[in-house]
Amino acid sequence: MENKTLPKPTLADYAKRDAYNEAYEKWSSDEYLEFMNSIDWSAEIFTVDDKHGLKTALGEVILPPIFEDIHVFTFIDYNKGKLVTAAVNGKYGVVKADGVGTWIIEPNFDYIGIPNSLTHVYINNKWGVIKLPSGEYLIPPECDSVSRNNGFLFVNDVAIYEKDGKTGVITSDGHFSAPEFDEVEWWDDGAVKVKLNNEWGYIDENDQFTTHEDEAYYSCNSCPD
């Protein structure tokens, strides 16, 4: 089957999208999805002298071509002010797509995940989790691994990290348990399950193991208050 090239959006398309978003409940989801899927909203990475920059779907340059690498996703709309993972001199940081490329997180890392309020970093052969845009560590880079889901830290608002053979749980609002569990399981909805000393249970509000589901504090798509 021949691949169909989708058109780029116009200003009118953005206005229509805004109208959908402002009154989404008034529109059928099928109609909204049909409209969104009929247009290529993705930003464009462009190259000048082997360096990369970034343009919006409308063609506005939001990152100049000065980077060795830029991480963006196909069909994702990147507008001015968006945070983007980029690399110079073989190291990754986070820049603001402000037309200049202002560093929010200096390029000192071997890897950084997709910027969100929290993301994962890799340095000196260890993983950690940082807060954005402050750059403060939620979890220092002392971990053997963290969740890495196509560049994103979280799935259903939950992530895990491993240290010294044990696993801890992180929620997208910044709560995290100690790495003390043998296994962790979670789904699209419901409480996060953990295994400790061959027994399955949950994590309560004091980050303690419990076998009572009604005491579970960590859950998917509904982070603790």
N, C-alpha and C. Protein backbone atom coordinates (compact mmCIF):
# COMPACT_ATOMS: atom_id res chain seq x y z
N MET A 1 0.84 -1.19 0.00
CA MET A 1 0.00 0.00 0.00
C MET A 1 0.88 1.25 0.00
N GLU A 2 0.51 2.22 -0.80
CA GLU A 2 1.31 3.43 -0.91
C GLU A 2 1.12 4.29 0.33
N ASN A 3 2.23 4.77 0.89
CA ASN A 3 2.16 5.64 2.05
C ASN A 3 1.64 7.00 1.63
N LYS A 4 0.68 7.51 2.36
CA LYS A 4 0.10 8.81 2.07
C LYS A 4 0.79 9.87 2.90
N THR A 5 1.28 10.90 2.23
CA THR A 5 1.92 12.00 2.94
C THR A 5 0.86 12.95 3.44
N LEU A 6 0.85 13.16 4.74
CA LEU A 6 -0.16 14.04 5.33
C LEU A 6 0.27 15.49 5.20
N PRO A 7 -0.67 16.40 5.08
CA PRO A 7 -0.33 17.82 4.99
C PRO A 7 0.10 18.36 6.36
N LYS A 8 0.92 19.39 6.34
CA LYS A 8 1.26 20.10 7.56
C LYS A 8 0.11 21.01 7.97
N PRO A 9 0.00 21.36 9.23
CA PRO A 9 -1.13 22.20 9.67
C PRO A 9 -0.99 23.64 9.22
N THR A 10 -2.11 24.29 9.11
CA THR A 10 -2.16 25.73 8.87
C THR A 10 -2.58 26.41 10.17
N LEU A 11 -2.55 27.73 10.18
CA LEU A 11 -3.02 28.46 11.35
C LEU A 11 -4.50 28.15 11.62
N ALA A 12 -5.25 27.95 10.56
CA ALA A 12 -6.67 27.60 10.72
C ALA A 12 -6.82 26.24 11.39
N ASP A 13 -5.93 25.31 11.06
CA ASP A 13 -5.98 23.99 11.68
C ASP A 13 -5.69 24.08 13.18
N TYR A 14 -4.72 24.93 13.55
CA TYR A 14 -4.44 25.11 14.97
C TYR A 14 -5.64 25.71 15.70
N ALA A 15 -6.31 26.67 15.05
CA ALA A 15 -7.49 27.27 15.66
C ALA A 15 -8.59 26.22 15.83
N LYS A 16 -8.74 25.35 14.85
CA LYS A 16 -9.75 24.30 14.94
C LYS A 16 -9.39 23.32 16.05
N ARG A 17 -8.10 22.97 16.15
CA ARG A 17 -7.67 22.06 17.21
C ARG A 17 -7.94 22.67 18.58
N ASP A 18 -7.66 23.96 18.73
CA ASP A 18 -7.90 24.64 20.01
C ASP A 18 -9.39 24.61 20.36
N ALA A 19 -10.24 24.78 19.35
CA ALA A 19 -11.68 24.73 19.60
C ALA A 19 -12.11 23.35 20.08
N TYR A 20 -11.55 22.31 19.46
CA TYR A 20 -11.83 20.96 19.93
C TYR A 20 -11.41 20.78 21.39
N ASN A 21 -10.21 21.24 21.70
CA ASN A 21 -9.67 21.03 23.04
C ASN A 21 -10.42 21.81 24.10
N GLU A 22 -10.93 22.97 23.73
CA GLU A 22 -11.64 23.80 24.70
C GLU A 22 -13.03 23.26 25.00
N ALA A 23 -13.61 22.55 24.06
CA ALA A 23 -14.96 22.01 24.26
C ALA A 23 -15.01 20.56 23.84
N TYR A 24 -14.06 19.80 24.34
CA TYR A 24 -13.90 18.42 23.86
C TYR A 24 -15.14 17.58 24.08
N GLU A 25 -15.83 17.80 25.20
CA GLU A 25 -16.99 16.96 25.48
C GLU A 25 -18.11 17.18 24.48
N LYS A 26 -18.05 18.27 23.71
CA LYS A 26 -19.09 18.56 22.74
C LYS A 26 -18.84 17.88 21.40
N TRP A 27 -17.67 17.27 21.26
CA TRP A 27 -17.30 16.65 19.99
C TRP A 27 -17.19 15.14 20.18
N SER A 28 -17.54 14.40 19.15
CA SER A 28 -17.34 12.96 19.23
C SER A 28 -15.86 12.65 19.13
N SER A 29 -15.41 11.64 19.85
CA SER A 29 -13.99 11.29 19.81
C SER A 29 -13.57 10.84 18.42
N ASP A 30 -14.46 10.17 17.69
CA ASP A 30 -14.12 9.73 16.34
C ASP A 30 -13.85 10.91 15.42
N GLU A 31 -14.68 11.92 15.55
CA GLU A 31 -14.50 13.11 14.72
C GLU A 31 -13.19 13.82 15.05
N TYR A 32 -12.91 13.91 16.34
CA TYR A 32 -11.67 14.56 16.78
C TYR A 32 -10.45 13.79 16.29
N LEU A 33 -10.47 12.47 16.47
CA LEU A 33 -9.33 11.65 16.05
C LEU A 33 -9.14 11.69 14.54
N GLU A 34 -10.24 11.69 13.80
CA GLU A 34 -10.14 11.76 12.34
C GLU A 34 -9.45 13.06 11.91
N PHE A 35 -9.82 14.15 12.55
CA PHE A 35 -9.19 15.44 12.24
C PHE A 35 -7.71 15.42 12.62
N MET A 36 -7.39 14.97 13.83
CA MET A 36 -6.00 14.97 14.27
C MET A 36 -5.13 14.06 13.41
N ASN A 37 -5.69 12.93 12.99
CA ASN A 37 -4.92 11.96 12.20
C ASN A 37 -4.82 12.33 10.72
N SER A 38 -5.50 13.37 10.33
CA SER A 38 -5.46 13.79 8.92
C SER A 38 -4.34 14.80 8.65
N ILE A 39 -3.62 15.19 9.71
CA ILE A 39 -2.60 16.24 9.59
C ILE A 39 -1.31 15.76 10.25
N ASP A 40 -0.19 16.14 9.66
CA ASP A 40 1.13 15.84 10.24
C ASP A 40 1.53 17.00 11.13
N TRP A 41 1.33 16.82 12.45
CA TRP A 41 1.62 17.87 13.43
C TRP A 41 3.08 17.87 13.87
N SER A 42 3.87 16.94 13.37
CA SER A 42 5.21 16.72 13.93
C SER A 42 6.17 17.86 13.60
N ALA A 43 7.05 18.10 14.56
CA ALA A 43 8.15 19.04 14.34
C ALA A 43 9.16 18.40 13.38
N GLU A 44 10.02 19.22 12.82
CA GLU A 44 10.99 18.74 11.84
C GLU A 44 12.41 19.02 12.32
N ILE A 45 13.21 17.98 12.41
CA ILE A 45 14.64 18.15 12.65
C ILE A 45 15.30 18.47 11.31
N PHE A 46 16.06 19.55 11.26
CA PHE A 46 16.77 19.90 10.04
C PHE A 46 18.26 19.96 10.33
N THR A 47 19.07 19.82 9.29
CA THR A 47 20.51 19.67 9.45
C THR A 47 21.26 20.71 8.60
N VAL A 48 22.24 21.34 9.24
CA VAL A 48 23.14 22.28 8.56
C VAL A 48 24.56 21.95 9.01
N ASP A 49 25.42 21.59 8.05
CA ASP A 49 26.82 21.26 8.36
C ASP A 49 26.91 20.20 9.46
N ASP A 50 26.10 19.15 9.32
CA ASP A 50 26.09 18.01 10.25
C ASP A 50 25.62 18.35 11.65
N LYS A 51 25.05 19.51 11.84
CA LYS A 51 24.45 19.88 13.12
C LYS A 51 22.94 19.98 12.95
N HIS A 52 22.21 19.71 14.03
CA HIS A 52 20.76 19.59 13.95
C HIS A 52 20.06 20.72 14.68
N GLY A 53 18.95 21.15 14.09
CA GLY A 53 18.06 22.11 14.70
C GLY A 53 16.64 21.59 14.63
N LEU A 54 15.67 22.41 15.09
CA LEU A 54 14.29 21.96 15.15
C LEU A 54 13.35 23.07 14.68
N LYS A 55 12.39 22.68 13.82
CA LYS A 55 11.35 23.59 13.35
C LYS A 55 9.99 23.06 13.79
N THR A 56 9.07 23.98 14.02
CA THR A 56 7.69 23.58 14.30
C THR A 56 7.04 23.08 13.01
N ALA A 57 5.85 22.53 13.15
CA ALA A 57 5.11 22.08 11.97
C ALA A 57 4.79 23.24 11.03
N LEU A 58 4.78 24.47 11.56
CA LEU A 58 4.54 25.65 10.73
C LEU A 58 5.83 26.20 10.11
N GLY A 59 6.98 25.60 10.47
CA GLY A 59 8.24 26.01 9.89
C GLY A 59 9.05 27.01 10.70
N GLU A 60 8.58 27.38 11.88
CA GLU A 60 9.33 28.31 12.73
C GLU A 60 10.52 27.58 13.37
N VAL A 61 11.71 28.18 13.29
CA VAL A 61 12.90 27.59 13.91
C VAL A 61 12.85 27.84 15.41
N ILE A 62 12.78 26.75 16.18
CA ILE A 62 12.73 26.89 17.64
C ILE A 62 14.02 26.40 18.29
N LEU A 63 14.84 25.67 17.54
CA LEU A 63 16.20 25.33 17.98
C LEU A 63 17.13 25.53 16.79
N PRO A 64 18.19 26.30 16.96
CA PRO A 64 19.12 26.51 15.84
C PRO A 64 19.93 25.24 15.58
N PRO A 65 20.52 25.10 14.40
CA PRO A 65 21.27 23.89 14.06
C PRO A 65 22.67 23.89 14.66
N ILE A 66 22.72 23.62 15.98
CA ILE A 66 24.00 23.62 16.69
C ILE A 66 24.20 22.35 17.52
N PHE A 67 23.29 21.39 17.39
CA PHE A 67 23.31 20.22 18.26
C PHE A 67 23.72 18.96 17.50
N GLU A 68 24.41 18.07 18.21
CA GLU A 68 24.81 16.79 17.62
C GLU A 68 23.64 15.82 17.56
N ASP A 69 22.70 15.95 18.47
CA ASP A 69 21.56 15.05 18.51
C ASP A 69 20.40 15.78 19.17
N ILE A 70 19.18 15.48 18.72
CA ILE A 70 17.95 16.02 19.29
C ILE A 70 16.95 14.88 19.38
N HIS A 71 16.31 14.73 20.52
CA HIS A 71 15.32 13.66 20.69
C HIS A 71 13.91 14.24 20.62
N VAL A 72 13.20 13.93 19.56
CA VAL A 72 11.79 14.27 19.44
C VAL A 72 11.05 13.07 18.88
N PHE A 73 9.73 13.08 19.01
CA PHE A 73 8.91 11.97 18.54
C PHE A 73 8.13 12.35 17.29
N THR A 74 8.02 11.42 16.38
CA THR A 74 7.24 11.63 15.17
C THR A 74 5.78 11.90 15.52
N PHE A 75 5.19 12.86 14.80
CA PHE A 75 3.79 13.25 14.95
C PHE A 75 3.50 13.96 16.27
N ILE A 76 4.54 14.39 16.98
CA ILE A 76 4.35 15.19 18.18
C ILE A 76 4.59 16.65 17.84
N ASP A 77 3.70 17.51 18.29
CA ASP A 77 3.76 18.94 18.00
C ASP A 77 4.67 19.61 19.03
N TYR A 78 5.78 20.18 18.58
CA TYR A 78 6.68 20.91 19.45
C TYR A 78 6.56 22.40 19.13
N ASN A 79 6.16 23.17 20.11
CA ASN A 79 6.04 24.61 19.92
C ASN A 79 7.10 25.34 20.72
N LYS A 80 7.18 26.64 20.51
CA LYS A 80 8.18 27.46 21.19
C LYS A 80 8.00 27.37 22.69
N GLY A 81 9.11 27.17 23.41
CA GLY A 81 9.08 27.04 24.85
C GLY A 81 9.13 25.62 25.35
N LYS A 82 8.97 24.65 24.44
CA LYS A 82 9.01 23.24 24.82
C LYS A 82 10.41 22.85 25.29
N LEU A 83 10.51 21.94 26.26
CA LEU A 83 11.79 21.40 26.69
C LEU A 83 12.14 20.20 25.82
N VAL A 84 13.41 20.14 25.39
CA VAL A 84 13.86 19.11 24.45
C VAL A 84 15.21 18.57 24.92
N THR A 85 15.39 17.25 24.84
CA THR A 85 16.69 16.65 25.11
C THR A 85 17.59 16.82 23.89
N ALA A 86 18.80 17.31 24.13
CA ALA A 86 19.74 17.55 23.03
C ALA A 86 21.16 17.27 23.51
N ALA A 87 22.08 17.14 22.54
CA ALA A 87 23.46 16.79 22.87
C ALA A 87 24.45 17.70 22.15
N VAL A 88 25.53 18.02 22.88
CA VAL A 88 26.71 18.67 22.30
C VAL A 88 27.94 18.02 22.93
N ASN A 89 29.00 17.93 22.15
CA ASN A 89 30.26 17.36 22.64
C ASN A 89 30.06 15.99 23.29
N GLY A 90 29.13 15.22 22.72
CA GLY A 90 28.92 13.85 23.19
C GLY A 90 28.16 13.73 24.50
N LYS A 91 27.62 14.84 25.03
CA LYS A 91 26.89 14.80 26.29
C LYS A 91 25.50 15.40 26.12
N TYR A 92 24.56 14.88 26.91
CA TYR A 92 23.17 15.29 26.79
C TYR A 92 22.76 16.23 27.92
N GLY A 93 21.88 17.16 27.56
CA GLY A 93 21.24 18.05 28.51
C GLY A 93 19.83 18.32 28.04
N VAL A 94 19.18 19.30 28.66
CA VAL A 94 17.83 19.69 28.26
C VAL A 94 17.85 21.17 27.89
N VAL A 95 17.34 21.47 26.71
CA VAL A 95 17.29 22.85 26.24
C VAL A 95 15.85 23.32 26.13
N LYS A 96 15.68 24.62 26.20
CA LYS A 96 14.38 25.23 25.95
C LYS A 96 14.31 25.61 24.49
N ALA A 97 13.26 25.18 23.81
CA ALA A 97 13.11 25.50 22.39
C ALA A 97 12.60 26.92 22.25
N ASP A 98 13.50 27.87 22.51
CA ASP A 98 13.14 29.29 22.53
C ASP A 98 13.71 30.06 21.35
N GLY A 99 14.19 29.33 20.33
CA GLY A 99 14.81 29.97 19.19
C GLY A 99 16.31 30.09 19.32
N VAL A 100 16.80 29.97 20.55
CA VAL A 100 18.23 30.09 20.83
C VAL A 100 18.80 28.75 21.28
N GLY A 101 18.03 28.05 22.09
CA GLY A 101 18.49 26.79 22.64
C GLY A 101 19.13 27.00 24.00
N THR A 102 18.40 27.65 24.92
CA THR A 102 18.90 27.93 26.25
C THR A 102 18.94 26.65 27.07
N TRP A 103 20.10 26.36 27.66
CA TRP A 103 20.23 25.14 28.45
C TRP A 103 19.47 25.27 29.76
N ILE A 104 18.58 24.33 30.01
CA ILE A 104 17.88 24.24 31.29
C ILE A 104 18.62 23.26 32.19
N ILE A 105 19.08 22.17 31.61
CA ILE A 105 19.95 21.20 32.28
C ILE A 105 21.23 21.14 31.45
N GLU A 106 22.35 21.49 32.03
CA GLU A 106 23.61 21.54 31.29
C GLU A 106 23.95 20.17 30.71
N PRO A 107 24.59 20.14 29.54
CA PRO A 107 24.91 18.87 28.88
C PRO A 107 26.09 18.16 29.53
N ASN A 108 25.80 17.50 30.65
CA ASN A 108 26.82 16.78 31.41
C ASN A 108 26.54 15.29 31.50
N PHE A 109 25.47 14.82 30.86
CA PHE A 109 25.01 13.45 31.06
C PHE A 109 25.26 12.59 29.82
N ASP A 110 25.38 11.29 30.06
CA ASP A 110 25.54 10.34 28.95
C ASP A 110 24.20 10.04 28.30
N TYR A 111 23.13 10.27 29.01
CA TYR A 111 21.79 10.08 28.46
C TYR A 111 20.80 10.83 29.35
N ILE A 112 19.76 11.38 28.72
CA ILE A 112 18.62 11.96 29.45
C ILE A 112 17.36 11.53 28.72
N GLY A 113 16.34 11.15 29.49
CA GLY A 113 15.07 10.75 28.89
C GLY A 113 14.29 11.95 28.38
N ILE A 114 13.10 11.68 27.86
CA ILE A 114 12.23 12.72 27.34
C ILE A 114 11.83 13.64 28.49
N PRO A 115 12.02 14.95 28.32
CA PRO A 115 11.72 15.87 29.42
C PRO A 115 10.25 15.87 29.81
N ASN A 116 10.02 15.80 31.11
CA ASN A 116 8.70 15.92 31.70
C ASN A 116 8.94 16.55 33.06
N SER A 117 7.99 16.51 33.95
CA SER A 117 8.25 17.04 35.29
C SER A 117 9.33 16.24 35.99
N LEU A 118 9.44 14.95 35.63
CA LEU A 118 10.51 14.07 36.09
C LEU A 118 11.04 13.29 34.90
N THR A 119 12.34 13.05 34.87
CA THR A 119 12.90 12.20 33.84
C THR A 119 14.15 11.52 34.36
N HIS A 120 14.62 10.53 33.61
CA HIS A 120 15.76 9.75 34.06
C HIS A 120 17.04 10.22 33.37
N VAL A 121 18.15 10.05 34.09
CA VAL A 121 19.46 10.46 33.59
C VAL A 121 20.46 9.33 33.84
N TYR A 122 21.51 9.33 33.01
CA TYR A 122 22.56 8.32 33.12
C TYR A 122 23.90 9.02 33.12
N ILE A 123 24.71 8.75 34.14
CA ILE A 123 26.02 9.36 34.27
C ILE A 123 26.90 8.46 35.13
N ASN A 124 28.16 8.32 34.73
CA ASN A 124 29.11 7.48 35.47
C ASN A 124 28.59 6.06 35.70
N ASN A 125 27.93 5.53 34.66
CA ASN A 125 27.43 4.15 34.67
C ASN A 125 26.32 3.91 35.69
N LYS A 126 25.65 4.97 36.12
CA LYS A 126 24.54 4.84 37.05
C LYS A 126 23.36 5.69 36.59
N TRP A 127 22.16 5.27 37.02
CA TRP A 127 20.93 5.96 36.68
C TRP A 127 20.38 6.74 37.87
N GLY A 128 19.70 7.84 37.55
CA GLY A 128 19.01 8.62 38.57
C GLY A 128 17.78 9.26 37.97
N VAL A 129 17.07 10.04 38.78
CA VAL A 129 15.86 10.74 38.34
C VAL A 129 15.98 12.19 38.76
N ILE A 130 15.73 13.11 37.80
CA ILE A 130 15.81 14.53 38.12
C ILE A 130 14.46 15.20 37.96
N LYS A 131 14.31 16.33 38.66
CA LYS A 131 13.12 17.17 38.53
C LYS A 131 13.39 18.23 37.47
N LEU A 132 12.36 18.54 36.70
CA LEU A 132 12.45 19.59 35.70
C LEU A 132 11.41 20.66 36.01
N PRO A 133 11.81 21.94 35.82
CA PRO A 133 13.06 22.38 35.19
C PRO A 133 14.21 22.65 36.16
N SER A 134 14.05 22.36 37.46
CA SER A 134 15.07 22.75 38.43
C SER A 134 16.38 21.99 38.26
N GLY A 135 16.31 20.74 37.81
CA GLY A 135 17.52 19.93 37.70
C GLY A 135 17.94 19.28 39.00
N GLU A 136 17.16 19.44 40.05
CA GLU A 136 17.46 18.79 41.32
C GLU A 136 17.17 17.29 41.20
N TYR A 137 17.92 16.51 41.96
CA TYR A 137 17.70 15.06 41.92
C TYR A 137 16.53 14.68 42.81
N LEU A 138 15.61 13.91 42.25
CA LEU A 138 14.64 13.21 43.08
C LEU A 138 15.30 11.97 43.65
N ILE A 139 16.00 11.24 42.79
CA ILE A 139 16.78 10.07 43.18
C ILE A 139 18.18 10.24 42.59
N PRO A 140 19.23 10.29 43.40
CA PRO A 140 20.59 10.51 42.88
C PRO A 140 21.00 9.40 41.91
N PRO A 141 21.96 9.68 41.04
CA PRO A 141 22.42 8.66 40.08
C PRO A 141 23.28 7.60 40.75
N GLU A 142 22.59 6.75 41.50
CA GLU A 142 23.23 5.65 42.22
C GLU A 142 22.55 4.33 41.91
N CYS A 143 21.64 4.33 40.92
CA CYS A 143 20.80 3.17 40.64
C CYS A 143 21.39 2.33 39.50
N ASP A 144 21.10 1.04 39.54
CA ASP A 144 21.56 0.14 38.49
C ASP A 144 20.70 0.26 37.24
N SER A 145 19.42 0.62 37.40
CA SER A 145 18.54 0.82 36.26
C SER A 145 17.31 1.60 36.69
N VAL A 146 16.63 2.19 35.71
CA VAL A 146 15.32 2.81 35.91
C VAL A 146 14.46 2.42 34.71
N SER A 147 13.16 2.69 34.82
CA SER A 147 12.26 2.42 33.70
C SER A 147 12.66 3.26 32.49
N ARG A 148 12.64 2.64 31.32
CA ARG A 148 12.94 3.38 30.09
C ARG A 148 11.98 2.86 29.02
N ASN A 149 10.91 3.60 28.83
CA ASN A 149 9.85 3.18 27.93
C ASN A 149 9.80 4.11 26.72
N ASN A 150 10.60 3.76 25.71
CA ASN A 150 10.72 4.60 24.51
C ASN A 150 11.09 6.04 24.87
N GLY A 151 11.97 6.17 25.85
CA GLY A 151 12.44 7.48 26.25
C GLY A 151 11.70 8.08 27.43
N PHE A 152 10.54 7.53 27.76
CA PHE A 152 9.76 8.05 28.87
C PHE A 152 10.02 7.23 30.13
N LEU A 153 9.94 7.91 31.27
CA LEU A 153 10.17 7.25 32.55
C LEU A 153 8.95 6.45 33.01
N PHE A 154 7.75 7.00 32.80
CA PHE A 154 6.55 6.43 33.41
C PHE A 154 5.66 5.70 32.41
N VAL A 155 4.99 4.67 32.90
CA VAL A 155 3.88 4.02 32.21
C VAL A 155 2.72 4.00 33.19
N ASN A 156 1.59 4.60 32.79
CA ASN A 156 0.43 4.69 33.68
C ASN A 156 0.79 5.35 35.01
N ASP A 157 1.65 6.38 34.92
CA ASP A 157 2.05 7.19 36.08
C ASP A 157 2.93 6.45 37.08
N VAL A 158 3.46 5.29 36.69
CA VAL A 158 4.31 4.51 37.59
C VAL A 158 5.62 4.17 36.88
N ALA A 159 6.72 4.22 37.64
CA ALA A 159 8.03 3.78 37.15
C ALA A 159 8.69 2.97 38.25
N ILE A 160 9.73 2.23 37.88
CA ILE A 160 10.50 1.48 38.87
C ILE A 160 11.98 1.78 38.70
N TYR A 161 12.71 1.57 39.77
CA TYR A 161 14.17 1.68 39.71
C TYR A 161 14.78 0.55 40.53
N GLU A 162 15.99 0.17 40.15
CA GLU A 162 16.66 -0.95 40.81
C GLU A 162 18.00 -0.50 41.37
N LYS A 163 18.27 -1.00 42.56
CA LYS A 163 19.54 -0.70 43.23
C LYS A 163 19.92 -1.89 44.10
N ASP A 164 21.13 -2.38 43.90
CA ASP A 164 21.65 -3.51 44.69
C ASP A 164 20.70 -4.71 44.65
N GLY A 165 20.12 -4.95 43.47
CA GLY A 165 19.29 -6.13 43.29
C GLY A 165 17.87 -6.01 43.80
N LYS A 166 17.48 -4.86 44.30
CA LYS A 166 16.13 -4.66 44.81
C LYS A 166 15.45 -3.53 44.01
N THR A 167 14.11 -3.52 44.06
CA THR A 167 13.33 -2.60 43.23
C THR A 167 12.51 -1.65 44.08
N GLY A 168 12.48 -0.39 43.63
CA GLY A 168 11.63 0.63 44.24
C GLY A 168 10.62 1.14 43.23
N VAL A 169 9.60 1.85 43.74
CA VAL A 169 8.51 2.36 42.91
C VAL A 169 8.52 3.89 42.95
N ILE A 170 8.26 4.52 41.79
CA ILE A 170 8.17 5.96 41.67
C ILE A 170 6.83 6.30 41.03
N THR A 171 6.15 7.35 41.51
CA THR A 171 4.95 7.84 40.84
C THR A 171 5.26 9.19 40.20
N SER A 172 4.45 9.55 39.20
CA SER A 172 4.75 10.71 38.38
C SER A 172 4.65 12.04 39.13
N ASP A 173 4.07 12.03 40.34
CA ASP A 173 4.03 13.25 41.14
C ASP A 173 5.20 13.33 42.11
N GLY A 174 6.14 12.38 42.04
CA GLY A 174 7.37 12.50 42.82
C GLY A 174 7.42 11.67 44.08
N HIS A 175 6.42 10.86 44.38
CA HIS A 175 6.52 9.93 45.50
C HIS A 175 7.38 8.74 45.07
N PHE A 176 8.18 8.23 46.00
CA PHE A 176 8.94 7.03 45.68
C PHE A 176 9.22 6.24 46.95
N SER A 177 9.28 4.94 46.78
CA SER A 177 9.57 4.04 47.89
C SER A 177 11.06 3.71 47.90
N ALA A 178 11.50 3.12 48.99
CA ALA A 178 12.87 2.61 49.04
C ALA A 178 12.99 1.40 48.12
N PRO A 179 14.19 1.14 47.58
CA PRO A 179 14.38 -0.05 46.74
C PRO A 179 14.57 -1.28 47.62
N GLU A 180 13.46 -1.92 47.95
CA GLU A 180 13.53 -3.05 48.87
C GLU A 180 12.69 -4.25 48.44
N PHE A 181 12.07 -4.16 47.24
CA PHE A 181 11.15 -5.21 46.81
C PHE A 181 11.80 -6.12 45.77
N ASP A 182 11.34 -7.36 45.75
CA ASP A 182 11.89 -8.35 44.82
C ASP A 182 11.29 -8.23 43.43
N GLU A 183 10.01 -7.90 43.35
CA GLU A 183 9.32 -7.72 42.08
C GLU A 183 8.26 -6.64 42.24
N VAL A 184 7.87 -6.04 41.11
CA VAL A 184 6.79 -5.05 41.09
C VAL A 184 5.91 -5.33 39.88
N GLU A 185 4.59 -5.25 40.07
CA GLU A 185 3.65 -5.40 38.97
C GLU A 185 2.63 -4.27 39.01
N TRP A 186 2.28 -3.76 37.80
CA TRP A 186 1.22 -2.77 37.73
C TRP A 186 0.57 -2.83 36.36
N TRP A 187 -0.69 -2.36 36.31
CA TRP A 187 -1.47 -2.43 35.09
C TRP A 187 -2.00 -1.04 34.76
N ASP A 188 -3.02 -0.99 33.89
CA ASP A 188 -3.57 0.29 33.48
C ASP A 188 -4.29 1.02 34.62
N ASP A 189 -4.77 0.27 35.57
CA ASP A 189 -5.52 0.86 36.66
C ASP A 189 -5.37 -0.04 37.88
N GLY A 190 -5.51 0.55 39.05
CA GLY A 190 -5.45 -0.25 40.27
C GLY A 190 -4.14 -0.09 41.01
N ALA A 191 -4.07 -0.77 42.14
CA ALA A 191 -2.93 -0.64 43.04
C ALA A 191 -1.69 -1.34 42.48
N VAL A 192 -0.54 -0.75 42.77
CA VAL A 192 0.74 -1.37 42.42
C VAL A 192 1.00 -2.53 43.38
N LYS A 193 1.37 -3.68 42.84
CA LYS A 193 1.66 -4.85 43.66
C LYS A 193 3.18 -5.03 43.76
N VAL A 194 3.63 -5.41 44.94
CA VAL A 194 5.05 -5.64 45.16
C VAL A 194 5.26 -6.99 45.86
N LYS A 195 6.41 -7.57 45.63
CA LYS A 195 6.74 -8.85 46.25
C LYS A 195 7.91 -8.66 47.20
N LEU A 196 7.73 -9.11 48.42
CA LEU A 196 8.75 -8.99 49.45
C LEU A 196 8.80 -10.29 50.24
N ASN A 197 9.99 -10.88 50.30
CA ASN A 197 10.16 -12.14 51.03
C ASN A 197 9.15 -13.20 50.60
N ASN A 198 9.01 -13.32 49.26
CA ASN A 198 8.15 -14.33 48.64
C ASN A 198 6.66 -14.12 48.91
N GLU A 199 6.28 -12.93 49.35
CA GLU A 199 4.87 -12.64 49.60
C GLU A 199 4.47 -11.40 48.80
N TRP A 200 3.32 -11.47 48.11
CA TRP A 200 2.82 -10.33 47.34
C TRP A 200 1.96 -9.44 48.22
N GLY A 201 2.09 -8.14 48.01
CA GLY A 201 1.31 -7.17 48.77
C GLY A 201 1.35 -5.81 48.11
N TYR A 202 1.32 -4.77 48.94
CA TYR A 202 1.21 -3.40 48.46
C TYR A 202 2.11 -2.49 49.30
N ILE A 203 2.16 -1.22 48.94
CA ILE A 203 2.92 -0.22 49.69
C ILE A 203 1.93 0.76 50.31
N ASP A 204 1.99 0.94 51.62
CA ASP A 204 1.05 1.85 52.28
C ASP A 204 1.58 3.28 52.28
N GLU A 205 0.84 4.19 52.90
CA GLU A 205 1.19 5.61 52.87
C GLU A 205 2.48 5.92 53.63
N ASN A 206 2.95 5.01 54.43
CA ASN A 206 4.22 5.18 55.14
C ASN A 206 5.36 4.44 54.44
N ASP A 207 5.10 4.04 53.18
CA ASP A 207 6.07 3.30 52.37
C ASP A 207 6.46 1.96 53.01
N GLN A 208 5.51 1.38 53.72
CA GLN A 208 5.72 0.08 54.34
C GLN A 208 4.93 -0.99 53.58
N PHE A 209 5.43 -2.20 53.61
CA PHE A 209 4.76 -3.33 52.97
C PHE A 209 3.49 -3.71 53.73
N THR A 210 2.42 -3.96 52.99
CA THR A 210 1.16 -4.41 53.58
C THR A 210 0.51 -5.43 52.66
N THR A 211 -0.22 -6.37 53.24
CA THR A 211 -0.94 -7.34 52.43
C THR A 211 -2.39 -6.90 52.19
N HIS A 212 -2.77 -5.74 52.72
CA HIS A 212 -4.15 -5.25 52.61
C HIS A 212 -4.27 -4.25 51.46
N GLU A 213 -5.04 -4.62 50.45
CA GLU A 213 -5.16 -3.76 49.27
C GLU A 213 -5.79 -2.41 49.62
N ASP A 214 -6.67 -2.37 50.60
CA ASP A 214 -7.31 -1.10 50.95
C ASP A 214 -6.32 -0.12 51.60
N GLU A 215 -5.13 -0.59 51.95
CA GLU A 215 -4.10 0.29 52.49
C GLU A 215 -3.07 0.72 51.43
N ALA A 216 -3.27 0.25 50.20
CA ALA A 216 -2.32 0.56 49.13
C ALA A 216 -2.32 2.05 48.84
N TYR A 217 -1.13 2.62 48.75
CA TYR A 217 -0.98 4.05 48.51
C TYR A 217 -0.53 4.35 47.08
N TYR A 218 0.19 3.44 46.46
CA TYR A 218 0.71 3.62 45.10
C TYR A 218 -0.24 2.93 44.12
N SER A 219 -0.68 3.69 43.13
CA SER A 219 -1.61 3.13 42.15
C SER A 219 -1.35 3.73 40.77
N CYS A 220 -1.90 3.12 39.75
CA CYS A 220 -1.71 3.55 38.36
C CYS A 220 -2.77 4.58 37.96
N ASN A 221 -2.32 5.58 37.21
CA ASN A 221 -3.21 6.61 36.67
C ASN A 221 -3.97 7.37 37.74
N SER A 222 -3.54 7.25 38.97
CA SER A 222 -4.19 8.00 40.06
C SER A 222 -3.18 8.11 41.20
N CYS A 223 -2.16 8.95 40.97
CA CYS A 223 -1.07 9.05 41.93
C CYS A 223 -1.55 9.56 43.28
N PRO A 224 -0.80 9.29 44.34
CA PRO A 224 -1.19 9.75 45.67
C PRO A 224 -1.31 11.26 45.72
N ASP A 225 -2.22 11.76 46.54
CA ASP A 225 -2.38 13.20 46.69
C ASP A 225 -1.20 13.81 47.44
